[in-house]
Amino acid sequence: MIVAIDGPAGSGKSTTARRVAERLGWLYLDTGAMYRAVGLAFRERGHPVTEAAAADLVPGLDVRLEPGPGGTRVALDGDDVTDRIRTPEASQDASRVSALAPVRAAMVALQRRAPPP
């Protein structure tokens, strides 16, 4: 079973999803964190936010959600970027890169490979 929670920023989506997943023993797949990690990669590597840059950069990225102390940790190419993706800049970057078809295609494919509950 897959449960998706949608809503405006600050409405408690992530908190609700984490608690439900924890209670049911399910995986909490924080898709927003995945897009934030990709946005961070664009920013830190100096890539413009374009379809062409995405087609070049995204296939080589390794974005992972891993259990860790205090909840899910986010790894980008083996580095824990959990704290670095929780900034206003990372939110803006996530919004910008999520509009790119190569980014969406890669993230959806990764999300579909997530283990079922």
PDB file of N, CA and C in Angstrom:
ATOM      1  N   MET A   1       0.838  -1.168   0.000  1.00  0.00           N
ATOM      2  CA  MET A   1       0.000   0.000   0.000  1.00  0.00           C
ATOM      3  C   MET A   1       0.890   1.240   0.000  1.00  0.00           C
ATOM      4  N   ILE A   2       0.499   2.238  -0.748  1.00  0.00           N
ATOM      5  CA  ILE A   2       1.195   3.513  -0.795  1.00  0.00           C
ATOM      6  C   ILE A   2       0.228   4.588  -0.332  1.00  0.00           C
ATOM      7  N   VAL A   3       0.687   5.438   0.562  1.00  0.00           N
ATOM      8  CA  VAL A   3      -0.107   6.559   1.040  1.00  0.00           C
ATOM      9  C   VAL A   3       0.652   7.835   0.706  1.00  0.00           C
ATOM     10  N   ALA A   4       0.000   8.739  -0.005  1.00  0.00           N
ATOM     11  CA  ALA A   4       0.608  10.027  -0.345  1.00  0.00           C
ATOM     12  C   ALA A   4      -0.126  11.118   0.426  1.00  0.00           C
ATOM     13  N   ILE A   5       0.636  12.055   0.957  1.00  0.00           N
ATOM     14  CA  ILE A   5       0.058  13.170   1.704  1.00  0.00           C
ATOM     15  C   ILE A   5       0.489  14.449   1.011  1.00  0.00           C
ATOM     16  N   ASP A   6      -0.473  15.273   0.656  1.00  0.00           N
ATOM     17  CA  ASP A   6      -0.189  16.511  -0.055  1.00  0.00           C
ATOM     18  C   ASP A   6      -0.824  17.666   0.701  1.00  0.00           C
ATOM     19  N   GLY A   7      -0.263  18.845   0.548  1.00  0.00           N
ATOM     20  CA  GLY A   7      -0.824  20.024   1.192  1.00  0.00           C
ATOM     21  C   GLY A   7       0.161  21.162   1.172  1.00  0.00           C
ATOM     22  N   PRO A   8      -0.258  22.312   1.658  1.00  0.00           N
ATOM     23  CA  PRO A   8       0.611  23.492   1.638  1.00  0.00           C
ATOM     24  C   PRO A   8       1.775  23.381   2.620  1.00  0.00           C
ATOM     25  N   ALA A   9       2.786  24.192   2.383  1.00  0.00           N
ATOM     26  CA  ALA A   9       3.959  24.226   3.257  1.00  0.00           C
ATOM     27  C   ALA A   9       3.537  24.530   4.688  1.00  0.00           C
ATOM     28  N   GLY A  10       4.147  23.829   5.618  1.00  0.00           N
ATOM     29  CA  GLY A  10       3.908  24.089   7.038  1.00  0.00           C
ATOM     30  C   GLY A  10       2.610  23.522   7.584  1.00  0.00           C
ATOM     31  N   SER A  11       1.941  22.665   6.819  1.00  0.00           N
ATOM     32  CA  SER A  11       0.649  22.141   7.275  1.00  0.00           C
ATOM     33  C   SER A  11       0.770  20.858   8.094  1.00  0.00           C
ATOM     34  N   GLY A  12       1.990  20.325   8.219  1.00  0.00           N
ATOM     35  CA  GLY A  12       2.193  19.132   9.035  1.00  0.00           C
ATOM     36  C   GLY A  12       2.255  17.838   8.248  1.00  0.00           C
ATOM     37  N   LYS A  13       2.442  17.920   6.941  1.00  0.00           N
ATOM     38  CA  LYS A  13       2.500  16.721   6.102  1.00  0.00           C
ATOM     39  C   LYS A  13       3.602  15.763   6.547  1.00  0.00           C
ATOM     40  N   SER A  14       4.799  16.303   6.696  1.00  0.00           N
ATOM     41  CA  SER A  14       5.943  15.449   7.041  1.00  0.00           C
ATOM     42  C   SER A  14       5.788  14.850   8.428  1.00  0.00           C
ATOM     43  N   THR A  15       5.356  15.648   9.372  1.00  0.00           N
ATOM     44  CA  THR A  15       5.158  15.147  10.738  1.00  0.00           C
ATOM     45  C   THR A  15       4.130  14.034  10.753  1.00  0.00           C
ATOM     46  N   THR A  16       3.021  14.243  10.079  1.00  0.00           N
ATOM     47  CA  THR A  16       1.971  13.225  10.017  1.00  0.00           C
ATOM     48  C   THR A  16       2.480  11.965   9.337  1.00  0.00           C
ATOM     49  N   ALA A  17       3.153  12.121   8.202  1.00  0.00           N
ATOM     50  CA  ALA A  17       3.657  10.962   7.457  1.00  0.00           C
ATOM     51  C   ALA A  17       4.663  10.160   8.278  1.00  0.00           C
ATOM     52  N   ARG A  18       5.579  10.861   8.944  1.00  0.00           N
ATOM     53  CA  ARG A  18       6.569  10.156   9.775  1.00  0.00           C
ATOM     54  C   ARG A  18       5.891   9.360  10.883  1.00  0.00           C
ATOM     55  N   ARG A  19       4.935   9.977  11.544  1.00  0.00           N
ATOM     56  CA  ARG A  19       4.268   9.305  12.663  1.00  0.00           C
ATOM     57  C   ARG A  19       3.446   8.103  12.205  1.00  0.00           C
ATOM     58  N   VAL A  20       2.742   8.247  11.104  1.00  0.00           N
ATOM     59  CA  VAL A  20       1.953   7.128  10.577  1.00  0.00           C
ATOM     60  C   VAL A  20       2.879   5.991  10.171  1.00  0.00           C
ATOM     61  N   ALA A  21       3.956   6.314   9.441  1.00  0.00           N
ATOM     62  CA  ALA A  21       4.901   5.287   9.004  1.00  0.00           C
ATOM     63  C   ALA A  21       5.528   4.570  10.198  1.00  0.00           C
ATOM     64  N   GLU A  22       5.919   5.348  11.209  1.00  0.00           N
ATOM     65  CA  GLU A  22       6.526   4.752  12.399  1.00  0.00           C
ATOM     66  C   GLU A  22       5.554   3.810  13.094  1.00  0.00           C
ATOM     67  N   ARG A  23       4.329   4.258  13.248  1.00  0.00           N
ATOM     68  CA  ARG A  23       3.328   3.448  13.956  1.00  0.00           C
ATOM     69  C   ARG A  23       3.008   2.154  13.210  1.00  0.00           C
ATOM     70  N   LEU A  24       3.004   2.215  11.875  1.00  0.00           N
ATOM     71  CA  LEU A  24       2.675   1.042  11.072  1.00  0.00           C
ATOM     72  C   LEU A  24       3.904   0.213  10.694  1.00  0.00           C
ATOM     73  N   GLY A  25       5.096   0.728  11.028  1.00  0.00           N
ATOM     74  CA  GLY A  25       6.318   0.023  10.670  1.00  0.00           C
ATOM     75  C   GLY A  25       6.620   0.116   9.183  1.00  0.00           C
ATOM     76  N   TRP A  26       6.208   1.200   8.565  1.00  0.00           N
ATOM     77  CA  TRP A  26       6.401   1.405   7.137  1.00  0.00           C
ATOM     78  C   TRP A  26       7.571   2.337   6.877  1.00  0.00           C
ATOM     79  N   LEU A  27       8.026   2.341   5.628  1.00  0.00           N
ATOM     80  CA  LEU A  27       9.051   3.263   5.181  1.00  0.00           C
ATOM     81  C   LEU A  27       8.431   4.652   5.013  1.00  0.00           C
ATOM     82  N   TYR A  28       9.100   5.664   5.519  1.00  0.00           N
ATOM     83  CA  TYR A  28       8.704   7.050   5.281  1.00  0.00           C
ATOM     84  C   TYR A  28       9.577   7.566   4.147  1.00  0.00           C
ATOM     85  N   LEU A  29       8.975   7.771   2.993  1.00  0.00           N
ATOM     86  CA  LEU A  29       9.701   8.200   1.804  1.00  0.00           C
ATOM     87  C   LEU A  29       9.512   9.704   1.653  1.00  0.00           C
ATOM     88  N   ASP A  30      10.494  10.455   2.086  1.00  0.00           N
ATOM     89  CA  ASP A  30      10.437  11.919   2.063  1.00  0.00           C
ATOM     90  C   ASP A  30      10.878  12.407   0.683  1.00  0.00           C
ATOM     91  N   THR A  31       9.913  12.500  -0.246  1.00  0.00           N
ATOM     92  CA  THR A  31      10.237  12.888  -1.611  1.00  0.00           C
ATOM     93  C   THR A  31      10.749  14.324  -1.675  1.00  0.00           C
ATOM     94  N   GLY A  32      10.254  15.176  -0.808  1.00  0.00           N
ATOM     95  CA  GLY A  32      10.743  16.555  -0.776  1.00  0.00           C
ATOM     96  C   GLY A  32      12.225  16.613  -0.465  1.00  0.00           C
ATOM     97  N   ALA A  33      12.679  15.753   0.453  1.00  0.00           N
ATOM     98  CA  ALA A  33      14.101  15.706   0.792  1.00  0.00           C
ATOM     99  C   ALA A  33      14.931  15.249  -0.404  1.00  0.00           C
ATOM    100  N   MET A  34      14.366  14.371  -1.208  1.00  0.00           N
ATOM    101  CA  MET A  34      15.088  13.894  -2.383  1.00  0.00           C
ATOM    102  C   MET A  34      15.300  15.045  -3.376  1.00  0.00           C
ATOM    103  N   TYR A  35      14.266  15.832  -3.615  1.00  0.00           N
ATOM    104  CA  TYR A  35      14.390  16.977  -4.522  1.00  0.00           C
ATOM    105  C   TYR A  35      15.322  18.041  -3.936  1.00  0.00           C
ATOM    106  N   ARG A  36      15.293  18.210  -2.625  1.00  0.00           N
ATOM    107  CA  ARG A  36      16.208  19.162  -1.986  1.00  0.00           C
ATOM    108  C   ARG A  36      17.660  18.729  -2.202  1.00  0.00           C
ATOM    109  N   ALA A  37      17.910  17.424  -2.099  1.00  0.00           N
ATOM    110  CA  ALA A  37      19.276  16.917  -2.305  1.00  0.00           C
ATOM    111  C   ALA A  37      19.733  17.172  -3.738  1.00  0.00           C
ATOM    112  N   VAL A  38      18.847  16.979  -4.693  1.00  0.00           N
ATOM    113  CA  VAL A  38      19.204  17.247  -6.088  1.00  0.00           C
ATOM    114  C   VAL A  38      19.466  18.744  -6.276  1.00  0.00           C
ATOM    115  N   GLY A  39      18.619  19.575  -5.694  1.00  0.00           N
ATOM    116  CA  GLY A  39      18.832  21.017  -5.775  1.00  0.00           C
ATOM    117  C   GLY A  39      20.167  21.419  -5.174  1.00  0.00           C
ATOM    118  N   LEU A  40      20.529  20.782  -4.050  1.00  0.00           N
ATOM    119  CA  LEU A  40      21.824  21.048  -3.420  1.00  0.00           C
ATOM    120  C   LEU A  40      22.969  20.675  -4.359  1.00  0.00           C
ATOM    121  N   ALA A  41      22.817  19.557  -5.048  1.00  0.00           N
ATOM    122  CA  ALA A  41      23.851  19.136  -5.995  1.00  0.00           C
ATOM    123  C   ALA A  41      24.032  20.175  -7.102  1.00  0.00           C
ATOM    124  N   PHE A  42      22.929  20.688  -7.636  1.00  0.00           N
ATOM    125  CA  PHE A  42      23.027  21.732  -8.657  1.00  0.00           C
ATOM    126  C   PHE A  42      23.775  22.940  -8.103  1.00  0.00           C
ATOM    127  N   ARG A  43      23.372  23.386  -6.916  1.00  0.00           N
ATOM    128  CA  ARG A  43      23.956  24.594  -6.322  1.00  0.00           C
ATOM    129  C   ARG A  43      25.446  24.397  -6.036  1.00  0.00           C
ATOM    130  N   GLU A  44      25.784  23.315  -5.347  1.00  0.00           N
ATOM    131  CA  GLU A  44      27.165  23.117  -4.911  1.00  0.00           C
ATOM    132  C   GLU A  44      28.118  22.821  -6.074  1.00  0.00           C
ATOM    133  N   ARG A  45      27.574  22.283  -7.141  1.00  0.00           N
ATOM    134  CA  ARG A  45      28.428  21.950  -8.289  1.00  0.00           C
ATOM    135  C   ARG A  45      28.401  23.042  -9.356  1.00  0.00           C
ATOM    136  N   GLY A  46      27.643  24.095  -9.083  1.00  0.00           N
ATOM    137  CA  GLY A  46      27.627  25.241  -9.985  1.00  0.00           C
ATOM    138  C   GLY A  46      26.924  25.006 -11.307  1.00  0.00           C
ATOM    139  N   HIS A  47      26.002  24.060 -11.336  1.00  0.00           N
ATOM    140  CA  HIS A  47      25.261  23.787 -12.569  1.00  0.00           C
ATOM    141  C   HIS A  47      24.076  24.727 -12.704  1.00  0.00           C
ATOM    142  N   PRO A  48      23.821  25.226 -13.906  1.00  0.00           N
ATOM    143  CA  PRO A  48      22.610  26.023 -14.103  1.00  0.00           C
ATOM    144  C   PRO A  48      21.385  25.112 -14.017  1.00  0.00           C
ATOM    145  N   VAL A  49      20.272  25.666 -13.618  1.00  0.00           N
ATOM    146  CA  VAL A  49      19.042  24.867 -13.504  1.00  0.00           C
ATOM    147  C   VAL A  49      18.364  24.872 -14.871  1.00  0.00           C
ATOM    148  N   THR A  50      18.847  23.966 -15.716  1.00  0.00           N
ATOM    149  CA  THR A  50      18.326  23.813 -17.072  1.00  0.00           C
ATOM    150  C   THR A  50      18.119  22.330 -17.363  1.00  0.00           C
ATOM    151  N   GLU A  51      17.302  22.051 -18.374  1.00  0.00           N
ATOM    152  CA  GLU A  51      17.070  20.658 -18.789  1.00  0.00           C
ATOM    153  C   GLU A  51      18.387  19.997 -19.195  1.00  0.00           C
ATOM    154  N   ALA A  52      19.213  20.727 -19.935  1.00  0.00           N
ATOM    155  CA  ALA A  52      20.489  20.160 -20.402  1.00  0.00           C
ATOM    156  C   ALA A  52      21.405  19.824 -19.234  1.00  0.00           C
ATOM    157  N   ALA A  53      21.509  20.724 -18.270  1.00  0.00           N
ATOM    158  CA  ALA A  53      22.350  20.462 -17.100  1.00  0.00           C
ATOM    159  C   ALA A  53      21.806  19.283 -16.303  1.00  0.00           C
ATOM    160  N   ALA A  54      20.482  19.207 -16.191  1.00  0.00           N
ATOM    161  CA  ALA A  54      19.872  18.095 -15.462  1.00  0.00           C
ATOM    162  C   ALA A  54      20.160  16.766 -16.145  1.00  0.00           C
ATOM    163  N   ALA A  55      20.058  16.749 -17.467  1.00  0.00           N
ATOM    164  CA  ALA A  55      20.331  15.519 -18.214  1.00  0.00           C
ATOM    165  C   ALA A  55      21.770  15.058 -18.026  1.00  0.00           C
ATOM    166  N   ASP A  56      22.670  16.007 -17.797  1.00  0.00           N
ATOM    167  CA  ASP A  56      24.083  15.694 -17.582  1.00  0.00           C
ATOM    168  C   ASP A  56      24.367  15.282 -16.136  1.00  0.00           C
ATOM    169  N   LEU A  57      23.800  16.010 -15.173  1.00  0.00           N
ATOM    170  CA  LEU A  57      24.129  15.823 -13.762  1.00  0.00           C
ATOM    171  C   LEU A  57      23.378  14.676 -13.088  1.00  0.00           C
ATOM    172  N   VAL A  58      22.090  14.605 -13.305  1.00  0.00           N
ATOM    173  CA  VAL A  58      21.227  13.719 -12.515  1.00  0.00           C
ATOM    174  C   VAL A  58      21.545  12.229 -12.652  1.00  0.00           C
ATOM    175  N   PRO A  59      21.833  11.712 -13.843  1.00  0.00           N
ATOM    176  CA  PRO A  59      22.103  10.269 -13.931  1.00  0.00           C
ATOM    177  C   PRO A  59      23.257   9.792 -13.045  1.00  0.00           C
ATOM    178  N   GLY A  60      24.190  10.671 -12.711  1.00  0.00           N
ATOM    179  CA  GLY A  60      25.324  10.280 -11.880  1.00  0.00           C
ATOM    180  C   GLY A  60      25.122  10.488 -10.393  1.00  0.00           C
ATOM    181  N   LEU A  61      23.974  11.037  -9.995  1.00  0.00           N
ATOM    182  CA  LEU A  61      23.740  11.301  -8.573  1.00  0.00           C
ATOM    183  C   LEU A  61      23.254  10.060  -7.843  1.00  0.00           C
ATOM    184  N   ASP A  62      23.699   9.910  -6.618  1.00  0.00           N
ATOM    185  CA  ASP A  62      23.245   8.834  -5.744  1.00  0.00           C
ATOM    186  C   ASP A  62      22.528   9.492  -4.558  1.00  0.00           C
ATOM    187  N   VAL A  63      21.200   9.500  -4.609  1.00  0.00           N
ATOM    188  CA  VAL A  63      20.380  10.086  -3.545  1.00  0.00           C
ATOM    189  C   VAL A  63      19.755   8.939  -2.772  1.00  0.00           C
ATOM    190  N   ARG A  64      19.981   8.940  -1.449  1.00  0.00           N
ATOM    191  CA  ARG A  64      19.442   7.857  -0.606  1.00  0.00           C
ATOM    192  C   ARG A  64      18.803   8.407   0.655  1.00  0.00           C
ATOM    193  N   LEU A  65      17.733   7.763   1.043  1.00  0.00           N
ATOM    194  CA  LEU A  65      17.101   8.024   2.329  1.00  0.00           C
ATOM    195  C   LEU A  65      17.444   6.840   3.214  1.00  0.00           C
ATOM    196  N   GLU A  66      18.003   7.126   4.385  1.00  0.00           N
ATOM    197  CA  GLU A  66      18.480   6.062   5.258  1.00  0.00           C
ATOM    198  C   GLU A  66      18.003   6.305   6.681  1.00  0.00           C
ATOM    199  N   PRO A  67      17.652   5.245   7.395  1.00  0.00           N
ATOM    200  CA  PRO A  67      17.301   5.437   8.805  1.00  0.00           C
ATOM    201  C   PRO A  67      18.525   5.871   9.591  1.00  0.00           C
ATOM    202  N   GLY A  68      18.315   6.730  10.553  1.00  0.00           N
ATOM    203  CA  GLY A  68      19.438   7.194  11.358  1.00  0.00           C
ATOM    204  C   GLY A  68      18.946   7.790  12.654  1.00  0.00           C
ATOM    205  N   PRO A  69      19.867   8.290  13.449  1.00  0.00           N
ATOM    206  CA  PRO A  69      19.477   8.896  14.714  1.00  0.00           C
ATOM    207  C   PRO A  69      18.571  10.095  14.465  1.00  0.00           C
ATOM    208  N   GLY A  70      17.447  10.117  15.141  1.00  0.00           N
ATOM    209  CA  GLY A  70      16.523  11.231  15.001  1.00  0.00           C
ATOM    210  C   GLY A  70      15.639  11.144  13.774  1.00  0.00           C
ATOM    211  N   GLY A  71      15.661  10.032  13.057  1.00  0.00           N
ATOM    212  CA  GLY A  71      14.790   9.882  11.894  1.00  0.00           C
ATOM    213  C   GLY A  71      15.555   9.619  10.619  1.00  0.00           C
ATOM    214  N   THR A  72      14.909   9.889   9.513  1.00  0.00           N
ATOM    215  CA  THR A  72      15.488   9.622   8.209  1.00  0.00           C
ATOM    216  C   THR A  72      16.626  10.591   7.912  1.00  0.00           C
ATOM    217  N   ARG A  73      17.727  10.051   7.434  1.00  0.00           N
ATOM    218  CA  ARG A  73      18.880  10.848   7.012  1.00  0.00           C
ATOM    219  C   ARG A  73      18.916  10.838   5.486  1.00  0.00           C
ATOM    220  N   VAL A  74      19.450  11.891   4.904  1.00  0.00           N
ATOM    221  CA  VAL A  74      19.532  12.007   3.449  1.00  0.00           C
ATOM    222  C   VAL A  74      20.999  12.006   3.053  1.00  0.00           C
ATOM    223  N   ALA A  75      21.343  11.107   2.148  1.00  0.00           N
ATOM    224  CA  ALA A  75      22.716  11.021   1.655  1.00  0.00           C
ATOM    225  C   ALA A  75      22.740  11.393   0.178  1.00  0.00           C
ATOM    226  N   LEU A  76      23.726  12.176  -0.189  1.00  0.00           N
ATOM    227  CA  LEU A  76      23.960  12.559  -1.582  1.00  0.00           C
ATOM    228  C   LEU A  76      25.374  12.124  -1.919  1.00  0.00           C
ATOM    229  N   ASP A  77      25.483  11.173  -2.821  1.00  0.00           N
ATOM    230  CA  ASP A  77      26.790  10.625  -3.213  1.00  0.00           C
ATOM    231  C   ASP A  77      27.606  10.204  -1.998  1.00  0.00           C
ATOM    232  N   GLY A  78      26.931   9.588  -1.034  1.00  0.00           N
ATOM    233  CA  GLY A  78      27.593   9.048   0.146  1.00  0.00           C
ATOM    234  C   GLY A  78      27.786  10.017   1.296  1.00  0.00           C
ATOM    235  N   ASP A  79      27.502  11.304   1.093  1.00  0.00           N
ATOM    236  CA  ASP A  79      27.655  12.301   2.153  1.00  0.00           C
ATOM    237  C   ASP A  79      26.308  12.608   2.785  1.00  0.00           C
ATOM    238  N   ASP A  80      26.259  12.650   4.112  1.00  0.00           N
ATOM    239  CA  ASP A  80      25.029  13.004   4.819  1.00  0.00           C
ATOM    240  C   ASP A  80      24.783  14.502   4.637  1.00  0.00           C
ATOM    241  N   VAL A  81      23.688  14.831   3.945  1.00  0.00           N
ATOM    242  CA  VAL A  81      23.354  16.230   3.667  1.00  0.00           C
ATOM    243  C   VAL A  81      22.061  16.647   4.363  1.00  0.00           C
ATOM    244  N   THR A  82      21.633  15.852   5.328  1.00  0.00           N
ATOM    245  CA  THR A  82      20.358  16.078   5.999  1.00  0.00           C
ATOM    246  C   THR A  82      20.214  17.511   6.502  1.00  0.00           C
ATOM    247  N   ASP A  83      21.218  18.018   7.180  1.00  0.00           N
ATOM    248  CA  ASP A  83      21.122  19.379   7.721  1.00  0.00           C
ATOM    249  C   ASP A  83      21.233  20.438   6.622  1.00  0.00           C
ATOM    250  N   ARG A  84      22.036  20.164   5.609  1.00  0.00           N
ATOM    251  CA  ARG A  84      22.250  21.158   4.544  1.00  0.00           C
ATOM    252  C   ARG A  84      21.041  21.340   3.642  1.00  0.00           C
ATOM    253  N   ILE A  85      20.122  20.383   3.617  1.00  0.00           N
ATOM    254  CA  ILE A  85      18.949  20.528   2.756  1.00  0.00           C
ATOM    255  C   ILE A  85      17.763  21.163   3.473  1.00  0.00           C
ATOM    256  N   ARG A  86      17.916  21.494   4.724  1.00  0.00           N
ATOM    257  CA  ARG A  86      16.811  22.084   5.496  1.00  0.00           C
ATOM    258  C   ARG A  86      17.004  23.588   5.671  1.00  0.00           C
ATOM    259  N   THR A  87      17.248  24.266   4.566  1.00  0.00           N
ATOM    260  CA  THR A  87      17.428  25.714   4.572  1.00  0.00           C
ATOM    261  C   THR A  87      16.445  26.333   3.589  1.00  0.00           C
ATOM    262  N   PRO A  88      16.177  27.631   3.700  1.00  0.00           N
ATOM    263  CA  PRO A  88      15.311  28.287   2.713  1.00  0.00           C
ATOM    264  C   PRO A  88      15.860  28.170   1.284  1.00  0.00           C
ATOM    265  N   GLU A  89      17.182  28.252   1.147  1.00  0.00           N
ATOM    266  CA  GLU A  89      17.788  28.126  -0.180  1.00  0.00           C
ATOM    267  C   GLU A  89      17.531  26.736  -0.765  1.00  0.00           C
ATOM    268  N   ALA A  90      17.631  25.726   0.070  1.00  0.00           N
ATOM    269  CA  ALA A  90      17.386  24.364  -0.400  1.00  0.00           C
ATOM    270  C   ALA A  90      15.929  24.192  -0.831  1.00  0.00           C
ATOM    271  N   SER A  91      15.010  24.831  -0.139  1.00  0.00           N
ATOM    272  CA  SER A  91      13.602  24.787  -0.536  1.00  0.00           C
ATOM    273  C   SER A  91      13.410  25.416  -1.909  1.00  0.00           C
ATOM    274  N   GLN A  92      14.035  26.553  -2.113  1.00  0.00           N
ATOM    275  CA  GLN A  92      13.940  27.230  -3.415  1.00  0.00           C
ATOM    276  C   GLN A  92      14.580  26.382  -4.512  1.00  0.00           C
ATOM    277  N   ASP A  93      15.731  25.815  -4.224  1.00  0.00           N
ATOM    278  CA  ASP A  93      16.414  24.980  -5.205  1.00  0.00           C
ATOM    279  C   ASP A  93      15.560  23.759  -5.560  1.00  0.00           C
ATOM    280  N   ALA A  94      14.937  23.144  -4.566  1.00  0.00           N
ATOM    281  CA  ALA A  94      14.090  21.975  -4.812  1.00  0.00           C
ATOM    282  C   ALA A  94      12.940  22.337  -5.737  1.00  0.00           C
ATOM    283  N   SER A  95      12.333  23.471  -5.496  1.00  0.00           N
ATOM    284  CA  SER A  95      11.220  23.913  -6.330  1.00  0.00           C
ATOM    285  C   SER A  95      11.672  24.106  -7.779  1.00  0.00           C
ATOM    286  N   ARG A  96      12.826  24.702  -7.956  1.00  0.00           N
ATOM    287  CA  ARG A  96      13.336  24.973  -9.305  1.00  0.00           C
ATOM    288  C   ARG A  96      13.708  23.682 -10.041  1.00  0.00           C
ATOM    289  N   VAL A  97      14.427  22.778  -9.381  1.00  0.00           N
ATOM    290  CA  VAL A  97      14.875  21.565 -10.082  1.00  0.00           C
ATOM    291  C   VAL A  97      13.726  20.587 -10.306  1.00  0.00           C
ATOM    292  N   SER A  98      12.715  20.627  -9.454  1.00  0.00           N
ATOM    293  CA  SER A  98      11.593  19.693  -9.617  1.00  0.00           C
ATOM    294  C   SER A  98      10.803  19.985 -10.890  1.00  0.00           C
ATOM    295  N   ALA A  99      10.975  21.157 -11.476  1.00  0.00           N
ATOM    296  CA  ALA A  99      10.296  21.503 -12.723  1.00  0.00           C
ATOM    297  C   ALA A  99      10.997  20.906 -13.943  1.00  0.00           C
ATOM    298  N   LEU A 100      12.168  20.329 -13.749  1.00  0.00           N
ATOM    299  CA  LEU A 100      12.948  19.783 -14.868  1.00  0.00           C
ATOM    300  C   LEU A 100      12.594  18.315 -15.099  1.00  0.00           C
ATOM    301  N   ALA A 101      12.237  17.987 -16.333  1.00  0.00           N
ATOM    302  CA  ALA A 101      11.814  16.621 -16.663  1.00  0.00           C
ATOM    303  C   ALA A 101      12.852  15.558 -16.296  1.00  0.00           C
ATOM    304  N   PRO A 102      14.155  15.755 -16.571  1.00  0.00           N
ATOM    305  CA  PRO A 102      15.114  14.711 -16.195  1.00  0.00           C
ATOM    306  C   PRO A 102      15.174  14.477 -14.678  1.00  0.00           C
ATOM    307  N   VAL A 103      14.986  15.520 -13.906  1.00  0.00           N
ATOM    308  CA  VAL A 103      14.994  15.382 -12.445  1.00  0.00           C
ATOM    309  C   VAL A 103      13.761  14.600 -12.006  1.00  0.00           C
ATOM    310  N   ARG A 104      12.606  14.987 -12.490  1.00  0.00           N
ATOM    311  CA  ARG A 104      11.370  14.289 -12.108  1.00  0.00           C
ATOM    312  C   ARG A 104      11.433  12.817 -12.490  1.00  0.00           C
ATOM    313  N   ALA A 105      11.894  12.540 -13.700  1.00  0.00           N
ATOM    314  CA  ALA A 105      11.969  11.146 -14.154  1.00  0.00           C
ATOM    315  C   ALA A 105      12.894  10.325 -13.257  1.00  0.00           C
ATOM    316  N   ALA A 106      14.040  10.878 -12.909  1.00  0.00           N
ATOM    317  CA  ALA A 106      14.995  10.152 -12.060  1.00  0.00           C
ATOM    318  C   ALA A 106      14.450   9.940 -10.652  1.00  0.00           C
ATOM    319  N   MET A 107      13.815  10.959 -10.091  1.00  0.00           N
ATOM    320  CA  MET A 107      13.295  10.839  -8.732  1.00  0.00           C
ATOM    321  C   MET A 107      12.110   9.879  -8.669  1.00  0.00           C
ATOM    322  N   VAL A 108      11.233   9.918  -9.654  1.00  0.00           N
ATOM    323  CA  VAL A 108      10.104   8.982  -9.678  1.00  0.00           C
ATOM    324  C   VAL A 108      10.610   7.553  -9.801  1.00  0.00           C
ATOM    325  N   ALA A 109      11.604   7.332 -10.650  1.00  0.00           N
ATOM    326  CA  ALA A 109      12.170   5.988 -10.792  1.00  0.00           C
ATOM    327  C   ALA A 109      12.766   5.507  -9.471  1.00  0.00           C
ATOM    328  N   LEU A 110      13.472   6.394  -8.792  1.00  0.00           N
ATOM    329  CA  LEU A 110      14.062   6.048  -7.498  1.00  0.00           C
ATOM    330  C   LEU A 110      12.976   5.754  -6.464  1.00  0.00           C
ATOM    331  N   GLN A 111      11.946   6.553  -6.448  1.00  0.00           N
ATOM    332  CA  GLN A 111      10.838   6.369  -5.498  1.00  0.00           C
ATOM    333  C   GLN A 111      10.119   5.041  -5.763  1.00  0.00           C
ATOM    334  N   ARG A 112       9.986   4.677  -7.008  1.00  0.00           N
ATOM    335  CA  ARG A 112       9.315   3.401  -7.351  1.00  0.00           C
ATOM    336  C   ARG A 112      10.137   2.191  -6.933  1.00  0.00           C
ATOM    337  N   ARG A 113      11.444   2.371  -6.813  1.00  0.00           N
ATOM    338  CA  ARG A 113      12.320   1.267  -6.378  1.00  0.00           C
ATOM    339  C   ARG A 113      12.383   1.126  -4.860  1.00  0.00           C
ATOM    340  N   ALA A 114      11.738   2.041  -4.159  1.00  0.00           N
ATOM    341  CA  ALA A 114      11.758   1.972  -2.684  1.00  0.00           C
ATOM    342  C   ALA A 114      11.079   0.677  -2.240  1.00  0.00           C
ATOM    343  N   PRO A 115      11.599   0.079  -1.182  1.00  0.00           N
ATOM    344  CA  PRO A 115      10.987  -1.173  -0.716  1.00  0.00           C
ATOM    345  C   PRO A 115       9.567  -0.933  -0.220  1.00  0.00           C
ATOM    346  N   PRO A 116       8.672  -1.886  -0.506  1.00  0.00           N
ATOM    347  CA  PRO A 116       7.283  -1.740  -0.027  1.00  0.00           C
ATOM    348  C   PRO A 116       7.213  -1.901   1.486  1.00  0.00           C
ATOM    349  N   PRO A 117       6.125  -1.395   2.084  1.00  0.00           N
ATOM    350  CA  PRO A 117       5.977  -1.530   3.552  1.00  0.00           C
ATOM    351  C   PRO A 117       5.806  -2.979   3.947  1.00  0.00           C
TER     352      PRO A 117
END
